[in-house]
Amino acid sequence: ESILELGCGLALASLVSHRRGALVT
């Protein structure tokens, strides 16, 4: 699954997802 975070700022959600192995932008 590919994930895009909009207006990430400090990108907490992206960091959590990335740490879990998700494919994040």
mmCIF file of all heavy atoms, coordinates in Angstrom:
data_MODEL
# 
_entry.id   MODEL 
# 
loop_
_atom_site.group_PDB 
_atom_site.id 
_atom_site.type_symbol 
_atom_site.label_atom_id 
_atom_site.label_alt_id 
_atom_site.label_comp_id 
_atom_site.label_asym_id 
_atom_site.label_entity_id 
_atom_site.label_seq_id 
_atom_site.pdbx_PDB_ins_code 
_atom_site.Cartn_x 
_atom_site.Cartn_y 
_atom_site.Cartn_z 
_atom_site.occupancy 
_atom_site.B_iso_or_equiv 
_atom_site.pdbx_formal_charge 
_atom_site.auth_seq_id 
_atom_site.auth_comp_id 
_atom_site.auth_asym_id 
_atom_site.auth_atom_id 
_atom_site.pdbx_PDB_model_num 
ATOM 1   N N   . GLU A 1 1  ? 0.830  -1.198 0.000  1.00 0.00 ? 1  GLU A N   1 
ATOM 2   C CA  . GLU A 1 1  ? 0.000  0.000  0.000  1.00 0.00 ? 1  GLU A CA  1 
ATOM 3   C C   . GLU A 1 1  ? 0.872  1.257  0.000  1.00 0.00 ? 1  GLU A C   1 
ATOM 4   O O   . GLU A 1 1  ? 1.806  1.388  0.783  1.00 0.00 ? 1  GLU A O   1 
ATOM 5   C CB  . GLU A 1 1  ? -0.898 -0.010 1.233  1.00 0.00 ? 1  GLU A CB  1 
ATOM 6   C CG  . GLU A 1 1  ? -1.797 1.204  1.365  1.00 0.00 ? 1  GLU A CG  1 
ATOM 7   C CD  . GLU A 1 1  ? -2.629 1.145  2.636  1.00 0.00 ? 1  GLU A CD  1 
ATOM 8   O OE1 . GLU A 1 1  ? -2.037 0.999  3.731  1.00 0.00 ? 1  GLU A OE1 1 
ATOM 9   O OE2 . GLU A 1 1  ? -3.860 1.225  2.542  1.00 0.00 ? 1  GLU A OE2 1 
ATOM 10  N N   . SER A 1 2  ? 0.542  2.210  -0.854 1.00 0.00 ? 2  SER A N   1 
ATOM 11  C CA  . SER A 1 2  ? 1.271  3.481  -0.908 1.00 0.00 ? 2  SER A CA  1 
ATOM 12  C C   . SER A 1 2  ? 0.467  4.544  -0.166 1.00 0.00 ? 2  SER A C   1 
ATOM 13  O O   . SER A 1 2  ? -0.744 4.657  -0.325 1.00 0.00 ? 2  SER A O   1 
ATOM 14  C CB  . SER A 1 2  ? 1.499  3.907  -2.360 1.00 0.00 ? 2  SER A CB  1 
ATOM 15  O OG  . SER A 1 2  ? 0.267  4.007  -3.055 1.00 0.00 ? 2  SER A OG  1 
ATOM 16  N N   . ILE A 1 3  ? 1.174  5.332  0.662  1.00 0.00 ? 3  ILE A N   1 
ATOM 17  C CA  . ILE A 1 3  ? 0.536  6.321  1.527  1.00 0.00 ? 3  ILE A CA  1 
ATOM 18  C C   . ILE A 1 3  ? 1.140  7.694  1.253  1.00 0.00 ? 3  ILE A C   1 
ATOM 19  O O   . ILE A 1 3  ? 2.362  7.841  1.141  1.00 0.00 ? 3  ILE A O   1 
ATOM 20  C CB  . ILE A 1 3  ? 0.732  5.960  3.005  1.00 0.00 ? 3  ILE A CB  1 
ATOM 21  C CG1 . ILE A 1 3  ? 0.178  4.564  3.300  1.00 0.00 ? 3  ILE A CG1 1 
ATOM 22  C CG2 . ILE A 1 3  ? 0.069  6.993  3.915  1.00 0.00 ? 3  ILE A CG2 1 
ATOM 23  C CD1 . ILE A 1 3  ? 0.491  4.067  4.703  1.00 0.00 ? 3  ILE A CD1 1 
ATOM 24  N N   . LEU A 1 4  ? 0.289  8.706  1.176  1.00 0.00 ? 4  LEU A N   1 
ATOM 25  C CA  . LEU A 1 4  ? 0.716  10.097 1.031  1.00 0.00 ? 4  LEU A CA  1 
ATOM 26  C C   . LEU A 1 4  ? 0.159  10.887 2.200  1.00 0.00 ? 4  LEU A C   1 
ATOM 27  O O   . LEU A 1 4  ? -1.042 10.860 2.456  1.00 0.00 ? 4  LEU A O   1 
ATOM 28  C CB  . LEU A 1 4  ? 0.200  10.688 -0.284 1.00 0.00 ? 4  LEU A CB  1 
ATOM 29  C CG  . LEU A 1 4  ? 0.383  12.204 -0.458 1.00 0.00 ? 4  LEU A CG  1 
ATOM 30  C CD1 . LEU A 1 4  ? 1.861  12.562 -0.589 1.00 0.00 ? 4  LEU A CD1 1 
ATOM 31  C CD2 . LEU A 1 4  ? -0.400 12.707 -1.684 1.00 0.00 ? 4  LEU A CD2 1 
ATOM 32  N N   . GLU A 1 5  ? 1.037  11.611 2.921  1.00 0.00 ? 5  GLU A N   1 
ATOM 33  C CA  . GLU A 1 5  ? 0.553  12.533 3.945  1.00 0.00 ? 5  GLU A CA  1 
ATOM 34  C C   . GLU A 1 5  ? 0.561  13.945 3.395  1.00 0.00 ? 5  GLU A C   1 
ATOM 35  O O   . GLU A 1 5  ? 1.585  14.443 2.921  1.00 0.00 ? 5  GLU A O   1 
ATOM 36  C CB  . GLU A 1 5  ? 1.379  12.473 5.230  1.00 0.00 ? 5  GLU A CB  1 
ATOM 37  C CG  . GLU A 1 5  ? 0.800  13.403 6.287  1.00 0.00 ? 5  GLU A CG  1 
ATOM 38  C CD  . GLU A 1 5  ? 1.452  13.341 7.654  1.00 0.00 ? 5  GLU A CD  1 
ATOM 39  O OE1 . GLU A 1 5  ? 2.464  12.614 7.804  1.00 0.00 ? 5  GLU A OE1 1 
ATOM 40  O OE2 . GLU A 1 5  ? 0.952  14.030 8.571  1.00 0.00 ? 5  GLU A OE2 1 
ATOM 41  N N   . LEU A 1 6  ? -0.580 14.619 3.484  1.00 0.00 ? 6  LEU A N   1 
ATOM 42  C CA  . LEU A 1 6  ? -0.738 15.998 3.040  1.00 0.00 ? 6  LEU A CA  1 
ATOM 43  C C   . LEU A 1 6  ? -0.368 16.958 4.161  1.00 0.00 ? 6  LEU A C   1 
ATOM 44  O O   . LEU A 1 6  ? -0.708 16.713 5.322  1.00 0.00 ? 6  LEU A O   1 
ATOM 45  C CB  . LEU A 1 6  ? -2.199 16.251 2.651  1.00 0.00 ? 6  LEU A CB  1 
ATOM 46  C CG  . LEU A 1 6  ? -2.817 15.369 1.580  1.00 0.00 ? 6  LEU A CG  1 
ATOM 47  C CD1 . LEU A 1 6  ? -4.322 15.609 1.521  1.00 0.00 ? 6  LEU A CD1 1 
ATOM 48  C CD2 . LEU A 1 6  ? -2.174 15.638 0.229  1.00 0.00 ? 6  LEU A CD2 1 
ATOM 49  N N   . GLY A 1 7  ? 0.292  18.061 3.822  1.00 0.00 ? 7  GLY A N   1 
ATOM 50  C CA  . GLY A 1 7  ? 0.595  19.080 4.818  1.00 0.00 ? 7  GLY A CA  1 
ATOM 51  C C   . GLY A 1 7  ? 1.186  18.491 6.070  1.00 0.00 ? 7  GLY A C   1 
ATOM 52  O O   . GLY A 1 7  ? 0.729  18.765 7.181  1.00 0.00 ? 7  GLY A O   1 
ATOM 53  N N   . CYS A 1 8  ? 2.241  17.713 5.922  1.00 0.00 ? 8  CYS A N   1 
ATOM 54  C CA  . CYS A 1 8  ? 2.707  16.851 7.007  1.00 0.00 ? 8  CYS A CA  1 
ATOM 55  C C   . CYS A 1 8  ? 3.249  17.613 8.207  1.00 0.00 ? 8  CYS A C   1 
ATOM 56  O O   . CYS A 1 8  ? 3.229  17.100 9.321  1.00 0.00 ? 8  CYS A O   1 
ATOM 57  C CB  . CYS A 1 8  ? 3.753  15.868 6.487  1.00 0.00 ? 8  CYS A CB  1 
ATOM 58  S SG  . CYS A 1 8  ? 5.325  16.632 5.979  1.00 0.00 ? 8  CYS A SG  1 
ATOM 59  N N   . GLY A 1 9  ? 3.772  18.844 8.030  1.00 0.00 ? 9  GLY A N   1 
ATOM 60  C CA  . GLY A 1 9  ? 4.377  19.534 9.155  1.00 0.00 ? 9  GLY A CA  1 
ATOM 61  C C   . GLY A 1 9  ? 5.528  18.726 9.724  1.00 0.00 ? 9  GLY A C   1 
ATOM 62  O O   . GLY A 1 9  ? 6.481  18.393 9.012  1.00 0.00 ? 9  GLY A O   1 
ATOM 63  N N   . LEU A 1 10 ? 5.444  18.348 10.991 1.00 0.00 ? 10 LEU A N   1 
ATOM 64  C CA  . LEU A 1 10 ? 6.473  17.520 11.615 1.00 0.00 ? 10 LEU A CA  1 
ATOM 65  C C   . LEU A 1 10 ? 6.301  16.042 11.303 1.00 0.00 ? 10 LEU A C   1 
ATOM 66  O O   . LEU A 1 10 ? 7.108  15.210 11.736 1.00 0.00 ? 10 LEU A O   1 
ATOM 67  C CB  . LEU A 1 10 ? 6.474  17.741 13.133 1.00 0.00 ? 10 LEU A CB  1 
ATOM 68  C CG  . LEU A 1 10 ? 6.929  19.140 13.565 1.00 0.00 ? 10 LEU A CG  1 
ATOM 69  C CD1 . LEU A 1 10 ? 6.752  19.302 15.071 1.00 0.00 ? 10 LEU A CD1 1 
ATOM 70  C CD2 . LEU A 1 10 ? 8.370  19.410 13.164 1.00 0.00 ? 10 LEU A CD2 1 
ATOM 71  N N   . ALA A 1 11 ? 5.252  15.683 10.580 1.00 0.00 ? 11 ALA A N   1 
ATOM 72  C CA  . ALA A 1 11 ? 5.100  14.350 9.970  1.00 0.00 ? 11 ALA A CA  1 
ATOM 73  C C   . ALA A 1 11 ? 5.054  13.212 10.985 1.00 0.00 ? 11 ALA A C   1 
ATOM 74  O O   . ALA A 1 11 ? 5.588  12.140 10.738 1.00 0.00 ? 11 ALA A O   1 
ATOM 75  C CB  . ALA A 1 11 ? 6.218  14.107 8.949  1.00 0.00 ? 11 ALA A CB  1 
ATOM 76  N N   . LEU A 1 12 ? 4.374  13.422 12.103 1.00 0.00 ? 12 LEU A N   1 
ATOM 77  C CA  . LEU A 1 12 ? 4.288  12.357 13.104 1.00 0.00 ? 12 LEU A CA  1 
ATOM 78  C C   . LEU A 1 12 ? 3.646  11.101 12.535 1.00 0.00 ? 12 LEU A C   1 
ATOM 79  O O   . LEU A 1 12 ? 4.126  9.984  12.759 1.00 0.00 ? 12 LEU A O   1 
ATOM 80  C CB  . LEU A 1 12 ? 3.496  12.840 14.320 1.00 0.00 ? 12 LEU A CB  1 
ATOM 81  C CG  . LEU A 1 12 ? 4.044  14.043 15.083 1.00 0.00 ? 12 LEU A CG  1 
ATOM 82  C CD1 . LEU A 1 12 ? 3.168  14.325 16.291 1.00 0.00 ? 12 LEU A CD1 1 
ATOM 83  C CD2 . LEU A 1 12 ? 5.482  13.829 15.487 1.00 0.00 ? 12 LEU A CD2 1 
ATOM 84  N N   . ALA A 1 13 ? 2.548  11.260 11.801 1.00 0.00 ? 13 ALA A N   1 
ATOM 85  C CA  . ALA A 1 13 ? 1.846  10.096 11.241 1.00 0.00 ? 13 ALA A CA  1 
ATOM 86  C C   . ALA A 1 13 ? 2.718  9.370  10.225 1.00 0.00 ? 13 ALA A C   1 
ATOM 87  O O   . ALA A 1 13 ? 2.729  8.140  10.166 1.00 0.00 ? 13 ALA A O   1 
ATOM 88  C CB  . ALA A 1 13 ? 0.529  10.523 10.603 1.00 0.00 ? 13 ALA A CB  1 
ATOM 89  N N   . SER A 1 14 ? 3.466  10.120 9.431  1.00 0.00 ? 14 SER A N   1 
ATOM 90  C CA  . SER A 1 14 ? 4.367  9.491  8.460  1.00 0.00 ? 14 SER A CA  1 
ATOM 91  C C   . SER A 1 14 ? 5.484  8.739  9.168  1.00 0.00 ? 14 SER A C   1 
ATOM 92  O O   . SER A 1 14 ? 5.862  7.631  8.772  1.00 0.00 ? 14 SER A O   1 
ATOM 93  C CB  . SER A 1 14 ? 4.964  10.546 7.526  1.00 0.00 ? 14 SER A CB  1 
ATOM 94  O OG  . SER A 1 14 ? 3.998  11.035 6.614  1.00 0.00 ? 14 SER A OG  1 
ATOM 95  N N   . LEU A 1 15 ? 6.037  9.325  10.221 1.00 0.00 ? 15 LEU A N   1 
ATOM 96  C CA  . LEU A 1 15 ? 7.104  8.666  10.971 1.00 0.00 ? 15 LEU A CA  1 
ATOM 97  C C   . LEU A 1 15 ? 6.615  7.369  11.611 1.00 0.00 ? 15 LEU A C   1 
ATOM 98  O O   . LEU A 1 15 ? 7.301  6.343  11.566 1.00 0.00 ? 15 LEU A O   1 
ATOM 99  C CB  . LEU A 1 15 ? 7.642  9.612  12.041 1.00 0.00 ? 15 LEU A CB  1 
ATOM 100 C CG  . LEU A 1 15 ? 8.479  10.795 11.543 1.00 0.00 ? 15 LEU A CG  1 
ATOM 101 C CD1 . LEU A 1 15 ? 8.672  11.822 12.647 1.00 0.00 ? 15 LEU A CD1 1 
ATOM 102 C CD2 . LEU A 1 15 ? 9.829  10.327 10.998 1.00 0.00 ? 15 LEU A CD2 1 
ATOM 103 N N   . VAL A 1 16 ? 5.419  7.401  12.196 1.00 0.00 ? 16 VAL A N   1 
ATOM 104 C CA  . VAL A 1 16 ? 4.853  6.190  12.802 1.00 0.00 ? 16 VAL A CA  1 
ATOM 105 C C   . VAL A 1 16 ? 4.632  5.112  11.748 1.00 0.00 ? 16 VAL A C   1 
ATOM 106 O O   . VAL A 1 16 ? 4.981  3.945  11.940 1.00 0.00 ? 16 VAL A O   1 
ATOM 107 C CB  . VAL A 1 16 ? 3.536  6.523  13.530 1.00 0.00 ? 16 VAL A CB  1 
ATOM 108 C CG1 . VAL A 1 16 ? 2.777  5.259  13.892 1.00 0.00 ? 16 VAL A CG1 1 
ATOM 109 C CG2 . VAL A 1 16 ? 3.816  7.342  14.782 1.00 0.00 ? 16 VAL A CG2 1 
ATOM 110 N N   . SER A 1 17 ? 4.053  5.499  10.614 1.00 0.00 ? 17 SER A N   1 
ATOM 111 C CA  . SER A 1 17 ? 3.789  4.533  9.542  1.00 0.00 ? 17 SER A CA  1 
ATOM 112 C C   . SER A 1 17 ? 5.085  3.981  8.967  1.00 0.00 ? 17 SER A C   1 
ATOM 113 O O   . SER A 1 17 ? 5.208  2.778  8.708  1.00 0.00 ? 17 SER A O   1 
ATOM 114 C CB  . SER A 1 17 ? 2.962  5.199  8.442  1.00 0.00 ? 17 SER A CB  1 
ATOM 115 O OG  . SER A 1 17 ? 1.738  5.705  8.952  1.00 0.00 ? 17 SER A OG  1 
ATOM 116 N N   . HIS A 1 18 ? 6.058  4.849  8.755  1.00 0.00 ? 18 HIS A N   1 
ATOM 117 C CA  . HIS A 1 18 ? 7.362  4.450  8.221  1.00 0.00 ? 18 HIS A CA  1 
ATOM 118 C C   . HIS A 1 18 ? 8.054  3.467  9.170  1.00 0.00 ? 18 HIS A C   1 
ATOM 119 O O   . HIS A 1 18 ? 8.633  2.460  8.727  1.00 0.00 ? 18 HIS A O   1 
ATOM 120 C CB  . HIS A 1 18 ? 8.206  5.699  8.019  1.00 0.00 ? 18 HIS A CB  1 
ATOM 121 C CG  . HIS A 1 18 ? 9.562  5.450  7.450  1.00 0.00 ? 18 HIS A CG  1 
ATOM 122 N ND1 . HIS A 1 18 ? 9.781  4.841  6.237  1.00 0.00 ? 18 HIS A ND1 1 
ATOM 123 C CD2 . HIS A 1 18 ? 10.801 5.753  7.952  1.00 0.00 ? 18 HIS A CD2 1 
ATOM 124 C CE1 . HIS A 1 18 ? 11.078 4.775  5.999  1.00 0.00 ? 18 HIS A CE1 1 
ATOM 125 N NE2 . HIS A 1 18 ? 11.712 5.321  7.020  1.00 0.00 ? 18 HIS A NE2 1 
ATOM 126 N N   . ARG A 1 19 ? 7.982  3.751  10.452 1.00 0.00 ? 19 ARG A N   1 
ATOM 127 C CA  . ARG A 1 19 ? 8.597  2.864  11.440 1.00 0.00 ? 19 ARG A CA  1 
ATOM 128 C C   . ARG A 1 19 ? 7.941  1.488  11.437 1.00 0.00 ? 19 ARG A C   1 
ATOM 129 O O   . ARG A 1 19 ? 8.593  0.482  11.721 1.00 0.00 ? 19 ARG A O   1 
ATOM 130 C CB  . ARG A 1 19 ? 8.500  3.501  12.830 1.00 0.00 ? 19 ARG A CB  1 
ATOM 131 C CG  . ARG A 1 19 ? 9.220  2.724  13.926 1.00 0.00 ? 19 ARG A CG  1 
ATOM 132 C CD  . ARG A 1 19 ? 9.341  3.533  15.194 1.00 0.00 ? 19 ARG A CD  1 
ATOM 133 N NE  . ARG A 1 19 ? 8.051  3.936  15.728 1.00 0.00 ? 19 ARG A NE  1 
ATOM 134 C CZ  . ARG A 1 19 ? 7.902  4.722  16.797 1.00 0.00 ? 19 ARG A CZ  1 
ATOM 135 N NH1 . ARG A 1 19 ? 8.966  5.195  17.431 1.00 0.00 ? 19 ARG A NH1 1 
ATOM 136 N NH2 . ARG A 1 19 ? 6.708  5.048  17.227 1.00 0.00 ? 19 ARG A NH2 1 
ATOM 137 N N   . ARG A 1 20 ? 6.663  1.426  11.053 1.00 0.00 ? 20 ARG A N   1 
ATOM 138 C CA  . ARG A 1 20 ? 5.940  0.150  10.988 1.00 0.00 ? 20 ARG A CA  1 
ATOM 139 C C   . ARG A 1 20 ? 6.168  -0.584 9.665  1.00 0.00 ? 20 ARG A C   1 
ATOM 140 O O   . ARG A 1 20 ? 5.655  -1.680 9.479  1.00 0.00 ? 20 ARG A O   1 
ATOM 141 C CB  . ARG A 1 20 ? 4.452  0.382  11.205 1.00 0.00 ? 20 ARG A CB  1 
ATOM 142 C CG  . ARG A 1 20 ? 4.094  0.966  12.565 1.00 0.00 ? 20 ARG A CG  1 
ATOM 143 C CD  . ARG A 1 20 ? 2.594  1.112  12.694 1.00 0.00 ? 20 ARG A CD  1 
ATOM 144 N NE  . ARG A 1 20 ? 1.961  -0.214 12.692 1.00 0.00 ? 20 ARG A NE  1 
ATOM 145 C CZ  . ARG A 1 20 ? 0.693  -0.412 12.321 1.00 0.00 ? 20 ARG A CZ  1 
ATOM 146 N NH1 . ARG A 1 20 ? -0.052 0.592  11.886 1.00 0.00 ? 20 ARG A NH1 1 
ATOM 147 N NH2 . ARG A 1 20 ? 0.185  -1.627 12.352 1.00 0.00 ? 20 ARG A NH2 1 
ATOM 148 N N   . GLY A 1 21 ? 6.898  0.029  8.743  1.00 0.00 ? 21 GLY A N   1 
ATOM 149 C CA  . GLY A 1 21 ? 7.204  -0.637 7.488  1.00 0.00 ? 21 GLY A CA  1 
ATOM 150 C C   . GLY A 1 21 ? 6.343  -0.243 6.316  1.00 0.00 ? 21 GLY A C   1 
ATOM 151 O O   . GLY A 1 21 ? 6.436  -0.856 5.251  1.00 0.00 ? 21 GLY A O   1 
ATOM 152 N N   . ALA A 1 22 ? 5.507  0.780  6.489  1.00 0.00 ? 22 ALA A N   1 
ATOM 153 C CA  . ALA A 1 22 ? 4.638  1.218  5.393  1.00 0.00 ? 22 ALA A CA  1 
ATOM 154 C C   . ALA A 1 22 ? 5.440  2.008  4.356  1.00 0.00 ? 22 ALA A C   1 
ATOM 155 O O   . ALA A 1 22 ? 6.494  2.587  4.655  1.00 0.00 ? 22 ALA A O   1 
ATOM 156 C CB  . ALA A 1 22 ? 3.489  2.069  5.927  1.00 0.00 ? 22 ALA A CB  1 
ATOM 157 N N   . LEU A 1 23 ? 4.920  2.062  3.142  1.00 0.00 ? 23 LEU A N   1 
ATOM 158 C CA  . LEU A 1 23 ? 5.520  2.819  2.043  1.00 0.00 ? 23 LEU A CA  1 
ATOM 159 C C   . LEU A 1 23 ? 4.903  4.216  2.040  1.00 0.00 ? 23 LEU A C   1 
ATOM 160 O O   . LEU A 1 23 ? 3.813  4.423  1.534  1.00 0.00 ? 23 LEU A O   1 
ATOM 161 C CB  . LEU A 1 23 ? 5.272  2.102  0.713  1.00 0.00 ? 23 LEU A CB  1 
ATOM 162 C CG  . LEU A 1 23 ? 5.831  2.759  -0.551 1.00 0.00 ? 23 LEU A CG  1 
ATOM 163 C CD1 . LEU A 1 23 ? 7.349  2.845  -0.475 1.00 0.00 ? 23 LEU A CD1 1 
ATOM 164 C CD2 . LEU A 1 23 ? 5.391  1.984  -1.788 1.00 0.00 ? 23 LEU A CD2 1 
ATOM 165 N N   . VAL A 1 24 ? 5.624  5.181  2.611  1.00 0.00 ? 24 VAL A N   1 
ATOM 166 C CA  . VAL A 1 24 ? 5.062  6.502  2.883  1.00 0.00 ? 24 VAL A CA  1 
ATOM 167 C C   . VAL A 1 24 ? 5.793  7.581  2.105  1.00 0.00 ? 24 VAL A C   1 
ATOM 168 O O   . VAL A 1 24 ? 7.021  7.562  1.977  1.00 0.00 ? 24 VAL A O   1 
ATOM 169 C CB  . VAL A 1 24 ? 5.152  6.838  4.387  1.00 0.00 ? 24 VAL A CB  1 
ATOM 170 C CG1 . VAL A 1 24 ? 4.407  8.132  4.702  1.00 0.00 ? 24 VAL A CG1 1 
ATOM 171 C CG2 . VAL A 1 24 ? 4.606  5.697  5.232  1.00 0.00 ? 24 VAL A CG2 1 
ATOM 172 N N   . THR A 1 25 ? 5.027  8.556  1.609  1.00 0.00 ? 25 THR A N   1 
ATOM 173 C CA  . THR A 1 25 ? 5.565  9.808  1.091  1.00 0.00 ? 25 THR A CA  1 
ATOM 174 C C   . THR A 1 25 ? 4.988  10.934 1.922  1.00 0.00 ? 25 THR A C   1 
ATOM 175 O O   . THR A 1 25 ? 3.770  11.102 1.979  1.00 0.00 ? 25 THR A O   1 
ATOM 176 C CB  . THR A 1 25 ? 5.194  10.023 -0.386 1.00 0.00 ? 25 THR A CB  1 
ATOM 177 O OG1 . THR A 1 25 ? 5.746  8.969  -1.176 1.00 0.00 ? 25 THR A OG1 1 
ATOM 178 C CG2 . THR A 1 25 ? 5.720  11.363 -0.887 1.00 0.00 ? 25 THR A CG2 1 
# 
